C-alpha atoms as a PDB file:
ATOM      1  CA  MET A   1       6.773   3.264 -17.146  1.00  0.00           C
ATOM      2  CA  ALA A   2       5.489   2.760 -13.645  1.00  0.00           C
ATOM      3  CA  PRO A   3       7.968   4.384 -11.007  1.00  0.00           C
ATOM      4  CA  GLU A   4       9.779   2.190  -8.747  1.00  0.00           C
ATOM      5  CA  PHE A   5       8.783   1.748  -5.203  1.00  0.00           C
ATOM      6  CA  LEU A   6      11.068   4.366  -3.212  1.00  0.00           C
ATOM      7  CA  VAL A   7      11.509   3.222   0.608  1.00  0.00           C
ATOM      8  CA  THR A   8      11.098   6.393   2.875  1.00  0.00           C
ATOM      9  CA  LYS A   9      11.172   6.539   6.569  1.00  0.00           C
ATOM     10  CA  GLU A  10       7.355   6.539   6.731  1.00  0.00           C
ATOM     11  CA  TYR A  11       7.011   3.210   5.020  1.00  0.00           C
ATOM     12  CA  ARG A  12       9.692   1.688   7.195  1.00  0.00           C
ATOM     13  CA  ARG A  13       7.639   2.597  10.079  1.00  0.00           C
ATOM     14  CA  PHE A  14       4.666   0.899   8.495  1.00  0.00           C
ATOM     15  CA  ALA A  15       6.610  -2.090   7.697  1.00  0.00           C
ATOM     16  CA  GLU A  16       7.625  -2.267  11.328  1.00  0.00           C
ATOM     17  CA  PHE A  17       4.078  -1.712  12.284  1.00  0.00           C
ATOM     18  CA  CYS A  18       2.758  -4.597  10.198  1.00  0.00           C
ATOM     19  CA  ASP A  19       6.047  -6.914  11.322  1.00  0.00           C
ATOM     20  CA  ALA A  20       4.584  -6.488  14.941  1.00  0.00           C
ATOM     21  CA  CYS A  21       0.933  -7.300  13.990  1.00  0.00           C
ATOM     22  CA  ARG A  22       2.311 -10.371  12.237  1.00  0.00           C
ATOM     23  CA  ARG A  23       4.449 -11.571  15.200  1.00  0.00           C
ATOM     24  CA  TYR A  24       2.133 -10.977  17.574  1.00  0.00           C
ATOM     25  CA  ARG A  25      -1.137 -11.971  15.945  1.00  0.00           C
ATOM     26  CA  TYR A  26      -2.922  -8.572  16.718  1.00  0.00           C
ATOM     27  CA  ILE A  27      -5.020  -6.412  14.967  1.00  0.00           C
ATOM     28  CA  GLY A  28      -3.411  -3.065  14.039  1.00  0.00           C
ATOM     29  CA  LEU A  29      -5.184  -0.003  12.586  1.00  0.00           C
ATOM     30  CA  CYS A  30      -3.505   2.096   9.938  1.00  0.00           C
ATOM     31  CA  TYR A  31      -5.053   5.414   8.906  1.00  0.00           C
ATOM     32  CA  GLY A  32      -4.202   8.491   7.039  1.00  0.00           C
ATOM     33  CA  PRO A  33      -5.307  11.105   4.656  1.00  0.00           C
ATOM     34  CA  PRO A  34      -6.164   9.870   0.731  1.00  0.00           C
ATOM     35  CA  GLY A  35      -2.852   9.918  -1.135  1.00  0.00           C
ATOM     36  CA  VAL A  36       0.055   9.378   1.383  1.00  0.00           C
ATOM     37  CA  GLY A  37       0.972   5.829  -0.041  1.00  0.00           C
ATOM     38  CA  LYS A  38      -1.120   3.223   2.530  1.00  0.00           C
ATOM     39  CA  THR A  39      -2.056   1.363  -0.457  1.00  0.00           C
ATOM     40  CA  LEU A  40       1.276   1.212  -2.235  1.00  0.00           C
ATOM     41  CA  SER A  41       3.021   0.534   0.955  1.00  0.00           C
ATOM     42  CA  ALA A  42       0.700  -2.255   1.758  1.00  0.00           C
ATOM     43  CA  ARG A  43       1.006  -3.683  -1.631  1.00  0.00           C
ATOM     44  CA  HIS A  44       4.815  -3.598  -1.363  1.00  0.00           C
ATOM     45  CA  TYR A  45       4.768  -5.178   2.070  1.00  0.00           C
ATOM     46  CA  ALA A  46       3.102  -8.052   0.763  1.00  0.00           C
ATOM     47  CA  ARG A  47       4.804  -8.288  -2.610  1.00  0.00           C
ATOM     48  CA  TRP A  48       1.330  -8.081  -3.625  1.00  0.00           C
ATOM     49  CA  ASP A  49       2.568  -7.413  -7.338  1.00  0.00           C
ATOM     50  CA  LEU A  50       3.961 -10.674  -7.511  1.00  0.00           C
ATOM     51  CA  LEU A  51       1.208 -12.607  -5.499  1.00  0.00           C
ATOM     52  CA  GLU A  52      -1.551 -11.318  -6.957  1.00  0.00           C
ATOM     53  CA  PRO A  53      -1.319 -13.051 -10.155  1.00  0.00           C
ATOM     54  CA  ALA A  54      -0.906 -16.370  -8.287  1.00  0.00           C
ATOM     55  CA  VAL A  55      -4.348 -15.530  -6.575  1.00  0.00           C
ATOM     56  CA  GLU A  56      -6.220 -14.957  -9.766  1.00  0.00           C
ATOM     57  CA  ARG A  57      -4.742 -17.792 -11.541  1.00  0.00           C
ATOM     58  CA  PRO A  58      -4.154 -20.393  -9.300  1.00  0.00           C
ATOM     59  CA  PHE A  59      -1.299 -22.914  -9.762  1.00  0.00           C
ATOM     60  CA  THR A  60       0.841 -19.951 -11.424  1.00  0.00           C
ATOM     61  CA  ALA A  61       4.586 -20.130 -10.303  1.00  0.00           C
ATOM     62  CA  VAL A  62       5.538 -16.917  -8.117  1.00  0.00           C
ATOM     63  CA  PRO A  63       9.044 -15.875  -6.726  1.00  0.00           C
ATOM     64  CA  PRO A  64      10.191 -17.484  -3.500  1.00  0.00           C
ATOM     65  CA  GLU A  65      10.445 -13.737  -1.913  1.00  0.00           C
ATOM     66  CA  ALA A  66       6.736 -13.230  -2.602  1.00  0.00           C
ATOM     67  CA  VAL A  67       5.563 -16.346  -0.910  1.00  0.00           C
ATOM     68  CA  ALA A  68       8.122 -15.571   1.943  1.00  0.00           C
ATOM     69  CA  CYS A  69       5.773 -12.838   2.976  1.00  0.00           C
ATOM     70  CA  ARG A  70       2.898 -14.805   3.918  1.00  0.00           C
ATOM     71  CA  SER A  71       0.581 -11.934   3.813  1.00  0.00           C
ATOM     72  CA  VAL A  72      -2.208 -10.916   1.704  1.00  0.00           C
ATOM     73  CA  VAL A  73      -3.970  -7.710   0.472  1.00  0.00           C
ATOM     74  CA  TYR A  74      -7.811  -7.590   0.673  1.00  0.00           C
ATOM     75  CA  THR A  75      -9.984  -4.609  -0.776  1.00  0.00           C
ATOM     76  CA  PRO A  76     -13.508  -4.874  -0.128  1.00  0.00           C
ATOM     77  CA  THR A  77     -16.035  -4.008  -2.894  1.00  0.00           C
ATOM     78  CA  VAL A  78     -18.247  -0.954  -2.092  1.00  0.00           C
ATOM     79  CA  ASP A  79     -21.393  -3.177  -1.758  1.00  0.00           C
ATOM     80  CA  ASN A  80     -19.890  -5.771   0.174  1.00  0.00           C
ATOM     81  CA  THR A  81     -21.669  -8.167   2.423  1.00  0.00           C
ATOM     82  CA  PRO A  82     -20.652  -9.898   5.378  1.00  0.00           C
ATOM     83  CA  ARG A  83     -20.784 -13.447   3.786  1.00  0.00           C
ATOM     84  CA  GLN A  84     -18.524 -11.834   0.792  1.00  0.00           C
ATOM     85  CA  VAL A  85     -16.163 -10.652   2.924  1.00  0.00           C
ATOM     86  CA  GLY A  86     -15.688 -13.982   4.570  1.00  0.00           C
ATOM     87  CA  GLN A  87     -15.602 -15.978   1.277  1.00  0.00           C
ATOM     88  CA  GLU A  88     -13.154 -13.575  -0.266  1.00  0.00           C
ATOM     89  CA  VAL A  89     -10.558 -13.712   2.704  1.00  0.00           C
ATOM     90  CA  ARG A  90     -10.745 -17.613   2.957  1.00  0.00           C
ATOM     91  CA  ARG A  91     -10.216 -17.612  -0.896  1.00  0.00           C
ATOM     92  CA  LEU A  92      -7.070 -15.216  -0.844  1.00  0.00           C
ATOM     93  CA  THR A  93      -5.801 -17.273   2.302  1.00  0.00           C
ATOM     94  CA  HIS A  94      -6.070 -20.382   0.342  1.00  0.00           C
ATOM     95  CA  ASP A  95      -4.725 -19.339  -2.539  1.00  0.00           C
ATOM     96  CA  LEU A  96      -1.410 -18.183  -0.738  1.00  0.00           C
ATOM     97  CA  SER A  97      -1.378 -21.389   0.902  1.00  0.00           C
ATOM     98  CA  LEU A  98      -1.491 -23.299  -2.714  1.00  0.00           C
ATOM     99  CA  ALA A  99       1.164 -20.601  -3.961  1.00  0.00           C
ATOM    100  CA  VAL A 100       3.286 -21.407  -0.891  1.00  0.00           C
ATOM    101  CA  TRP A 101       2.859 -25.383  -1.533  1.00  0.00           C
ATOM    102  CA  LEU A 102       3.853 -25.163  -5.200  1.00  0.00           C
ATOM    103  CA  ALA A 103       6.874 -23.108  -4.493  1.00  0.00           C
ATOM    104  CA  GLN A 104       7.953 -25.735  -1.955  1.00  0.00           C
ATOM    105  CA  ALA A 105       6.969 -29.024  -4.009  1.00  0.00           C
ATOM    106  CA  PRO A 106      10.057 -30.491  -5.748  1.00  0.00           C
ATOM    107  CA  ASP A 107       8.108 -31.238  -8.778  1.00  0.00           C
ATOM    108  CA  PRO A 108       4.783 -29.320  -8.717  1.00  0.00           C
ATOM    109  CA  ASP A 109       3.802 -31.411 -12.082  1.00  0.00           C
ATOM    110  CA  THR A 110       3.785 -34.667 -10.411  1.00  0.00           C
ATOM    111  CA  ALA A 111       3.304 -33.953  -6.800  1.00  0.00           C
ATOM    112  CA  ALA A 112       0.395 -35.300  -5.418  1.00  0.00           C
ATOM    113  CA  TYR A 113      -2.337 -32.234  -4.307  1.00  0.00           C
ATOM    114  CA  PRO A 114      -2.884 -32.142  -1.042  1.00  0.00           C
ATOM    115  CA  HIS A 115      -6.701 -32.920   0.413  1.00  0.00           C
ATOM    116  CA  ARG A 116      -6.432 -30.339   2.739  1.00  0.00           C
ATOM    117  CA  LEU A 117      -4.193 -27.235   2.503  1.00  0.00           C
ATOM    118  CA  ALA A 118      -2.655 -25.884   5.952  1.00  0.00           C
ATOM    119  CA  ASP A 119      -3.118 -22.403   6.097  1.00  0.00           C
ATOM    120  CA  VAL A 120       0.390 -20.250   6.236  1.00  0.00           C
ATOM    121  CA  THR A 121      -1.121 -17.144   6.327  1.00  0.00           C
ATOM    122  CA  GLN A 122       0.227 -14.659   8.806  1.00  0.00           C
ATOM    123  CA  LEU A 123      -1.205 -11.375   8.156  1.00  0.00           C
ATOM    124  CA  VAL A 124      -3.978 -10.090   6.384  1.00  0.00           C
ATOM    125  CA  LEU A 125      -3.958  -6.395   5.423  1.00  0.00           C
ATOM    126  CA  VAL A 126      -7.540  -4.862   4.668  1.00  0.00           C
ATOM    127  CA  ASP A 127      -7.115  -1.632   2.325  1.00  0.00           C
ATOM    128  CA  GLU A 128     -10.334   0.632   2.187  1.00  0.00           C
ATOM    129  CA  ALA A 129     -11.749  -0.679   5.444  1.00  0.00           C
ATOM    130  CA  ASP A 130     -14.056   2.410   5.762  1.00  0.00           C
ATOM    131  CA  ARG A 131     -16.217   0.629   3.194  1.00  0.00           C
ATOM    132  CA  LEU A 132     -16.992  -2.030   5.673  1.00  0.00           C
ATOM    133  CA  LYS A 133     -19.977  -1.767   7.836  1.00  0.00           C
ATOM    134  CA  MET A 134     -20.176  -3.290  11.204  1.00  0.00           C
ATOM    135  CA  PRO A 135     -21.649  -6.619  10.101  1.00  0.00           C
ATOM    136  CA  GLY A 136     -18.240  -7.072   7.552  1.00  0.00           C
ATOM    137  CA  LEU A 137     -16.061  -5.844  10.540  1.00  0.00           C
ATOM    138  CA  GLU A 138     -17.413  -8.563  12.858  1.00  0.00           C
ATOM    139  CA  GLN A 139     -16.989 -10.833   9.639  1.00  0.00           C
ATOM    140  CA  LEU A 140     -13.281 -10.128   9.851  1.00  0.00           C
ATOM    141  CA  ARG A 141     -13.287 -10.462  13.865  1.00  0.00           C
ATOM    142  CA  ASP A 142     -14.688 -13.654  13.360  1.00  0.00           C
ATOM    143  CA  VAL A 143     -11.896 -14.829  10.607  1.00  0.00           C
ATOM    144  CA  TYR A 144      -9.234 -13.475  12.712  1.00  0.00           C
ATOM    145  CA  ASP A 145     -10.459 -15.067  16.200  1.00  0.00           C
ATOM    146  CA  ARG A 146     -10.500 -18.632  14.382  1.00  0.00           C
ATOM    147  CA  GLY A 147      -7.040 -18.237  12.857  1.00  0.00           C
ATOM    148  CA  ALA A 148      -3.689 -17.711  14.191  1.00  0.00           C
ATOM    149  CA  LEU A 149      -2.975 -14.675  11.958  1.00  0.00           C
ATOM    150  CA  GLY A 150      -2.731 -10.798  12.513  1.00  0.00           C
ATOM    151  CA  LEU A 151      -5.098  -8.379  10.764  1.00  0.00           C
ATOM    152  CA  VAL A 152      -4.418  -4.511   9.591  1.00  0.00           C
ATOM    153  CA  LEU A 153      -7.239  -2.392   8.817  1.00  0.00           C
ATOM    154  CA  ILE A 154      -6.251   0.356   6.876  1.00  0.00           C
ATOM    155  CA  GLY A 155      -8.327   3.425   6.047  1.00  0.00           C
ATOM    156  CA  MET A 156      -9.009   7.205   6.564  1.00  0.00           C
ATOM    157  CA  PRO A 157      -8.647   9.233   9.527  1.00  0.00           C
ATOM    158  CA  GLY A 158     -11.272   8.633  11.986  1.00  0.00           C
ATOM    159  CA  LEU A 159     -11.529   5.140  11.668  1.00  0.00           C
ATOM    160  CA  GLU A 160      -9.918   4.532  14.811  1.00  0.00           C
ATOM    161  CA  LYS A 161     -12.634   6.730  16.574  1.00  0.00           C
ATOM    162  CA  ARG A 162     -15.396   4.643  14.460  1.00  0.00           C
ATOM    163  CA  LEU A 163     -14.253   1.425  15.925  1.00  0.00           C
ATOM    164  CA  ALA A 164     -13.850   2.558  19.225  1.00  0.00           C
ATOM    165  CA  ARG A 165     -17.268   2.247  19.405  1.00  0.00           C
ATOM    166  CA  TYR A 166     -17.295  -1.721  19.084  1.00  0.00           C
ATOM    167  CA  PRO A 167     -15.780  -2.822  22.196  1.00  0.00           C
ATOM    168  CA  GLN A 168     -15.369  -6.460  20.841  1.00  0.00           C
ATOM    169  CA  LEU A 169     -13.483  -5.786  17.843  1.00  0.00           C
ATOM    170  CA  TYR A 170     -11.271  -2.642  19.615  1.00  0.00           C
ATOM    171  CA  SER A 171     -10.486  -4.728  22.547  1.00  0.00           C
ATOM    172  CA  ARG A 172      -8.540  -6.992  20.105  1.00  0.00           C
ATOM    173  CA  VAL A 173      -6.418  -3.730  18.502  1.00  0.00           C
ATOM    174  CA  GLY A 174      -2.615  -4.078  19.622  1.00  0.00           C
ATOM    175  CA  PHE A 175      -1.204  -1.543  17.415  1.00  0.00           C
ATOM    176  CA  VAL A 176      -2.218   1.947  15.751  1.00  0.00           C
ATOM    177  CA  HIS A 177      -0.187   3.680  13.078  1.00  0.00           C
ATOM    178  CA  GLN A 178      -1.126   6.941  11.514  1.00  0.00           C
ATOM    179  CA  PHE A 179       0.347   7.382   8.321  1.00  0.00           C
ATOM    180  CA  ARG A 180       1.745  10.646   7.555  1.00  0.00           C
ATOM    181  CA  PRO A 181       2.611  13.081   4.585  1.00  0.00           C
ATOM    182  CA  LEU A 182       6.351  13.044   3.217  1.00  0.00           C
ATOM    183  CA  SER A 183       8.616  15.066   5.243  1.00  0.00           C
ATOM    184  CA  ALA A 184      10.931  17.584   3.678  1.00  0.00           C
ATOM    185  CA  ASP A 185      13.859  15.260   3.600  1.00  0.00           C
ATOM    186  CA  GLU A 186      11.737  12.253   1.996  1.00  0.00           C
ATOM    187  CA  LEU A 187      10.213  14.745  -0.361  1.00  0.00           C
ATOM    188  CA  ARG A 188      13.733  15.675  -1.572  1.00  0.00           C
ATOM    189  CA  PHE A 189      14.604  12.100  -1.660  1.00  0.00           C
ATOM    190  CA  ILE A 190      11.378  11.529  -3.876  1.00  0.00           C
ATOM    191  CA  LEU A 191      12.233  14.567  -6.031  1.00  0.00           C
ATOM    192  CA  ALA A 192      16.074  13.477  -6.635  1.00  0.00           C
ATOM    193  CA  HIS A 193      14.634  10.428  -8.177  1.00  0.00           C
ATOM    194  CA  HIS A 194      11.988  11.968 -10.186  1.00  0.00           C
ATOM    195  CA  TRP A 195      15.010  14.644 -11.334  1.00  0.00           C
ATOM    196  CA  ALA A 196      16.729  11.450 -12.446  1.00  0.00           C
ATOM    197  CA  ARG A 197      13.899   9.999 -14.448  1.00  0.00           C
ATOM    198  CA  LEU A 198      13.918  12.955 -16.387  1.00  0.00           C
ATOM    199  CA  GLY A 199      17.743  12.839 -17.089  1.00  0.00           C
ATOM    200  CA  GLN A 200      18.512  15.505 -14.743  1.00  0.00           C
ATOM    201  CA  THR A 201      20.396  15.794 -11.731  1.00  0.00           C
ATOM    202  CA  LEU A 202      18.612  17.707  -8.389  1.00  0.00           C
ATOM    203  CA  SER A 203      21.053  20.166  -6.761  1.00  0.00           C
ATOM    204  CA  PRO A 204      19.572  22.268  -3.690  1.00  0.00           C
ATOM    205  CA  ASP A 205      22.544  24.580  -4.415  1.00  0.00           C
ATOM    206  CA  ASP A 206      21.214  25.318  -7.981  1.00  0.00           C
ATOM    207  CA  PHE A 207      18.417  28.425  -7.401  1.00  0.00           C
ATOM    208  CA  THR A 208      16.413  27.070 -10.049  1.00  0.00           C
ATOM    209  CA  ASP A 209      16.294  23.543  -8.901  1.00  0.00           C
ATOM    210  CA  ALA A 210      15.911  25.074  -5.090  1.00  0.00           C
ATOM    211  CA  GLU A 211      13.077  27.125  -6.541  1.00  0.00           C
ATOM    212  CA  ALA A 212      11.111  24.524  -8.486  1.00  0.00           C
ATOM    213  CA  LEU A 213      11.647  22.113  -5.348  1.00  0.00           C
ATOM    214  CA  ALA A 214       9.841  24.749  -3.158  1.00  0.00           C
ATOM    215  CA  ALA A 215       6.993  25.097  -5.537  1.00  0.00           C
ATOM    216  CA  VAL A 216       6.417  21.209  -5.559  1.00  0.00           C
ATOM    217  CA  ALA A 217       6.631  21.274  -1.557  1.00  0.00           C
ATOM    218  CA  ARG A 218       3.929  23.900  -1.622  1.00  0.00           C
ATOM    219  CA  ILE A 219       1.551  22.680  -4.496  1.00  0.00           C
ATOM    220  CA  THR A 220       1.780  18.924  -3.035  1.00  0.00           C
ATOM    221  CA  GLY A 221       2.015  19.426   0.915  1.00  0.00           C
ATOM    222  CA  GLY A 222       4.046  16.035   0.953  1.00  0.00           C
ATOM    223  CA  ASN A 223       1.190  14.238  -0.509  1.00  0.00           C
ATOM    224  CA  PHE A 224       2.598  11.315  -2.360  1.00  0.00           C
ATOM    225  CA  ARG A 225       0.117  10.583  -4.883  1.00  0.00           C
ATOM    226  CA  LEU A 226      -0.075  14.332  -5.740  1.00  0.00           C
ATOM    227  CA  VAL A 227       3.714  14.171  -6.023  1.00  0.00           C
ATOM    228  CA  GLN A 228       3.263  11.393  -8.669  1.00  0.00           C
ATOM    229  CA  ARG A 229       0.502  13.159 -10.591  1.00  0.00           C
ATOM    230  CA  LEU A 230       2.029  16.591 -10.491  1.00  0.00           C
ATOM    231  CA  PHE A 231       5.343  14.967 -12.151  1.00  0.00           C
ATOM    232  CA  ALA A 232       3.352  13.135 -14.725  1.00  0.00           C
ATOM    233  CA  GLN A 233       2.143  16.878 -15.972  1.00  0.00           C
ATOM    234  CA  ILE A 234       5.469  18.171 -15.474  1.00  0.00           C
ATOM    235  CA  GLU A 235       7.182  15.605 -17.951  1.00  0.00           C
ATOM    236  CA  ARG A 236       4.207  16.260 -20.428  1.00  0.00           C
ATOM    237  CA  VAL A 237       5.083  20.136 -20.278  1.00  0.00           C
ATOM    238  CA  LEU A 238       8.916  19.532 -20.939  1.00  0.00           C
ATOM    239  CA  GLN A 239       7.842  17.304 -23.793  1.00  0.00           C
ATOM    240  CA  ILE A 240       5.428  19.828 -25.549  1.00  0.00           C
ATOM    241  CA  ASN A 241       7.765  23.001 -25.128  1.00  0.00           C
ATOM    242  CA  ALA A 242      11.070  20.791 -25.728  1.00  0.00           C
ATOM    243  CA  LEU A 243      12.306  21.995 -22.531  1.00  0.00           C
ATOM    244  CA  ARG A 244      15.170  20.529 -20.543  1.00  0.00           C
ATOM    245  CA  THR A 245      15.004  21.810 -17.281  1.00  0.00           C
ATOM    246  CA  VAL A 246      12.455  21.909 -14.254  1.00  0.00           C
ATOM    247  CA  THR A 247      11.604  25.449 -13.323  1.00  0.00           C
ATOM    248  CA  LYS A 248       9.174  26.905 -10.955  1.00  0.00           C
ATOM    249  CA  GLU A 249       7.245  28.075 -13.946  1.00  0.00           C
ATOM    250  CA  VAL A 250       7.030  24.837 -15.291  1.00  0.00           C
ATOM    251  CA  VAL A 251       5.779  23.123 -11.825  1.00  0.00           C
ATOM    252  CA  GLU A 252       3.097  26.039 -11.985  1.00  0.00           C
ATOM    253  CA  THR A 253       2.296  25.390 -15.452  1.00  0.00           C
ATOM    254  CA  ALA A 254       1.775  21.684 -14.873  1.00  0.00           C
ATOM    255  CA  ARG A 255      -0.128  22.424 -11.552  1.00  0.00           C
ATOM    256  CA  GLU A 256      -2.767  24.180 -13.537  1.00  0.00           C
ATOM    257  CA  SER A 257      -3.731  21.236 -15.219  1.00  0.00           C
ATOM    258  CA  LEU A 258      -4.367  19.047 -11.897  1.00  0.00           C
ATOM    259  CA  VAL A 259      -7.741  18.979  -9.712  1.00  0.00           C
ATOM    260  CA  ILE A 260      -6.579  19.408  -6.490  1.00  0.00           C
ATOM    261  CA  GLY A 261      -8.923  18.683  -3.725  1.00  0.00           C
ATOM    262  CA  SER A 262      -8.449  19.003   0.149  1.00  0.00           C
ATOM    263  CA  LEU A 263      -5.767  17.065   1.259  1.00  0.00           C
END
């Protein structure tokens, strides 16, 4: 079972940043180390898990709360070309417009399909923007200039310095957001949900829980993806050894099964 999305303070900051880019039709830059939750946050903001099926299979009905987002998530391929970037972004915005039209049509089965759909996209979130070379970025700038929409480029630290070398694009940047790892309070909030998924209650006053929490914090450094991976191994260690309590020793054993690079 996939874990539910947990709204943290960092996500709320990211959502406010996206709201500003969407409202003022600016280009925004979001950067942060791998695993802090940039992709998950972008998909949650755009309700992409609900909208993506409609993009992959046109004329698929989607819930009203999804089409109300008016946002799409685009991830360029590693071997992208400027033409491919332009075509794929335009296809996403067209399919979003189609999904909105279907949601608003009184009877989609009998309604006459419009000859030309009005573009309702308000924000394009580009994940893995580091993959784009200058021609691809210029293609995105052209899409942005021709449409009344906001654009968010999401990538690794250093993306903002790289784009600063291209004044025509960088001059259109209105907001910059640094996506940070989980704070201590946010990490406790996340871990409380993980403890609950294991049928336990995290109690900071319990020395065993406090010791395990400190071990998780030390191993993960507040990296959201690493927390997810570590708890998948913790659950496995508990099942194999028929244990019921998450202890420091269980956490350390689970850590031995992970390949952890530099964060």
